[in-house]
């Protein structure tokens, strides 16, 4: 994968994490992508979201989807411990 493509993926992930609002699937997918790119800042953002009820509540995400989102982020962190797309 080219550096340009990787940078674009990181940019999309970052924007979607910031602007997903109450769209929990978008948030989970964007954070998963961010982790997969190997970007340390996006990884920290994903880690910071796990089980953070106040952040989910601020976004308007209910408890059922908070758990689902946290589970997906744990999965991403486990699947990509030191990710860097080639």
C-alpha atoms as a PDB file:
ATOM      1  CA  UNK A   1       0.000   0.000   0.000  1.00  0.00           C
ATOM      2  CA  UNK A   2       1.330   3.413  -0.883  1.00  0.00           C
ATOM      3  CA  UNK A   3       2.117   6.025   1.745  1.00  0.00           C
ATOM      4  CA  UNK A   4      -0.500   8.263   0.140  1.00  0.00           C
ATOM      5  CA  UNK A   5      -3.203   5.598   0.504  1.00  0.00           C
ATOM      6  CA  UNK A   6      -2.221   4.917   4.099  1.00  0.00           C
ATOM      7  CA  UNK A   7      -2.302   8.638   4.919  1.00  0.00           C
ATOM      8  CA  UNK A   8      -5.753   8.934   3.325  1.00  0.00           C
ATOM      9  CA  UNK A   9      -7.039   5.983   5.373  1.00  0.00           C
ATOM     10  CA  UNK A  10      -5.708   7.560   8.547  1.00  0.00           C
ATOM     11  CA  UNK A  11      -7.332  10.875   7.683  1.00  0.00           C
ATOM     12  CA  UNK A  12     -10.709   9.245   7.026  1.00  0.00           C
ATOM     13  CA  UNK A  13     -10.506   7.246  10.250  1.00  0.00           C
ATOM     14  CA  UNK A  14      -9.613  10.331  12.272  1.00  0.00           C
ATOM     15  CA  UNK A  15     -12.428  12.427  10.804  1.00  0.00           C
ATOM     16  CA  UNK A  16     -15.006   9.698  11.306  1.00  0.00           C
ATOM     17  CA  UNK A  17     -13.950   9.065  14.910  1.00  0.00           C
ATOM     18  CA  UNK A  18     -14.327  12.776  15.611  1.00  0.00           C
ATOM     19  CA  UNK A  19     -17.562  13.268  13.718  1.00  0.00           C
ATOM     20  CA  UNK A  20     -19.485  10.003  14.127  1.00  0.00           C
ATOM     21  CA  UNK A  21     -21.837  11.395  16.749  1.00  0.00           C
ATOM     22  CA  UNK A  22     -24.312   8.712  17.832  1.00  0.00           C
ATOM     23  CA  UNK A  23     -23.538   6.467  14.849  1.00  0.00           C
ATOM     24  CA  UNK A  24     -21.928   3.673  16.851  1.00  0.00           C
ATOM     25  CA  UNK A  25     -21.168   1.468  13.848  1.00  0.00           C
ATOM     26  CA  UNK A  26     -19.356   4.309  12.120  1.00  0.00           C
ATOM     27  CA  UNK A  27     -17.404   5.012  15.309  1.00  0.00           C
ATOM     28  CA  UNK A  28     -16.435   1.362  15.785  1.00  0.00           C
ATOM     29  CA  UNK A  29     -15.491   0.905  12.129  1.00  0.00           C
ATOM     30  CA  UNK A  30     -13.460   4.112  12.001  1.00  0.00           C
ATOM     31  CA  UNK A  31     -11.593   3.263  15.196  1.00  0.00           C
ATOM     32  CA  UNK A  32     -10.975  -0.286  13.930  1.00  0.00           C
ATOM     33  CA  UNK A  33      -9.557   1.130  10.696  1.00  0.00           C
ATOM     34  CA  UNK A  34      -7.422   3.570  12.663  1.00  0.00           C
ATOM     35  CA  UNK A  35      -5.925   0.741  14.710  1.00  0.00           C
ATOM     36  CA  UNK A  36      -5.326  -1.323  11.559  1.00  0.00           C
ATOM     37  CA  UNK A  37      -3.322   1.506   9.970  1.00  0.00           C
ATOM     38  CA  UNK A  38      -0.842   1.397  12.833  1.00  0.00           C
ATOM     39  CA  UNK A  39      -1.201   5.085  13.623  1.00  0.00           C
ATOM     40  CA  UNK A  40      -0.246   5.502  17.313  1.00  0.00           C
ATOM     41  CA  UNK A  41      -2.617   8.434  17.900  1.00  0.00           C
ATOM     42  CA  UNK A  42      -5.604   6.598  16.395  1.00  0.00           C
ATOM     43  CA  UNK A  43      -4.713   3.533  18.453  1.00  0.00           C
ATOM     44  CA  UNK A  44      -4.703   5.654  21.623  1.00  0.00           C
ATOM     45  CA  UNK A  45      -8.094   7.091  20.663  1.00  0.00           C
ATOM     46  CA  UNK A  46      -9.511   3.592  20.210  1.00  0.00           C
ATOM     47  CA  UNK A  47      -8.046   2.453  23.531  1.00  0.00           C
ATOM     48  CA  UNK A  48      -9.501   5.516  25.257  1.00  0.00           C
ATOM     49  CA  UNK A  49     -13.007   4.716  24.000  1.00  0.00           C
ATOM     50  CA  UNK A  50     -13.215   1.214  25.448  1.00  0.00           C
ATOM     51  CA  UNK A  51     -15.786   1.092  28.249  1.00  0.00           C
ATOM     52  CA  UNK A  52     -15.917   4.883  28.534  1.00  0.00           C
ATOM     53  CA  UNK A  53     -19.575   5.328  29.353  1.00  0.00           C
ATOM     54  CA  UNK A  54     -19.355   9.138  29.743  1.00  0.00           C
ATOM     55  CA  UNK A  55     -17.918   9.483  26.223  1.00  0.00           C
ATOM     56  CA  UNK A  56     -20.550   7.170  24.792  1.00  0.00           C
ATOM     57  CA  UNK A  57     -23.269   9.025  26.693  1.00  0.00           C
ATOM     58  CA  UNK A  58     -21.933  12.343  25.395  1.00  0.00           C
ATOM     59  CA  UNK A  59     -22.288  10.919  21.901  1.00  0.00           C
ATOM     60  CA  UNK A  60     -25.776   9.571  22.626  1.00  0.00           C
ATOM     61  CA  UNK A  61     -24.848   5.891  22.264  1.00  0.00           C
ATOM     62  CA  UNK A  62     -26.930   3.599  24.481  1.00  0.00           C
ATOM     63  CA  UNK A  63     -25.525   0.850  26.721  1.00  0.00           C
ATOM     64  CA  UNK A  64     -26.118  -2.051  24.330  1.00  0.00           C
ATOM     65  CA  UNK A  65     -24.111  -0.354  21.582  1.00  0.00           C
ATOM     66  CA  UNK A  66     -21.483   0.891  24.012  1.00  0.00           C
ATOM     67  CA  UNK A  67     -20.691  -2.728  24.790  1.00  0.00           C
ATOM     68  CA  UNK A  68     -20.738  -3.743  21.114  1.00  0.00           C
ATOM     69  CA  UNK A  69     -18.412  -0.878  20.201  1.00  0.00           C
ATOM     70  CA  UNK A  70     -16.024  -1.650  23.068  1.00  0.00           C
ATOM     71  CA  UNK A  71     -15.940  -5.312  22.031  1.00  0.00           C
ATOM     72  CA  UNK A  72     -15.057  -4.387  18.421  1.00  0.00           C
ATOM     73  CA  UNK A  73     -12.281  -2.089  19.623  1.00  0.00           C
ATOM     74  CA  UNK A  74     -10.828  -4.803  21.856  1.00  0.00           C
ATOM     75  CA  UNK A  75     -10.923  -7.090  18.821  1.00  0.00           C
ATOM     76  CA  UNK A  76      -9.069  -4.522  16.698  1.00  0.00           C
ATOM     77  CA  UNK A  77      -6.398  -4.015  19.346  1.00  0.00           C
ATOM     78  CA  UNK A  78      -5.924  -7.785  19.643  1.00  0.00           C
ATOM     79  CA  UNK A  79      -5.874  -8.360  15.874  1.00  0.00           C
ATOM     80  CA  UNK A  80      -3.426  -5.538  15.153  1.00  0.00           C
ATOM     81  CA  UNK A  81      -1.028  -5.335  18.124  1.00  0.00           C
ATOM     82  CA  UNK A  82       1.685  -3.597  16.088  1.00  0.00           C
ATOM     83  CA  UNK A  83      -0.150  -2.843  12.876  1.00  0.00           C
ATOM     84  CA  UNK A  84       1.369  -1.172   9.874  1.00  0.00           C
ATOM     85  CA  UNK A  85      -0.280  -1.924   6.550  1.00  0.00           C
ATOM     86  CA  UNK A  86       2.253  -2.964   3.937  1.00  0.00           C
END
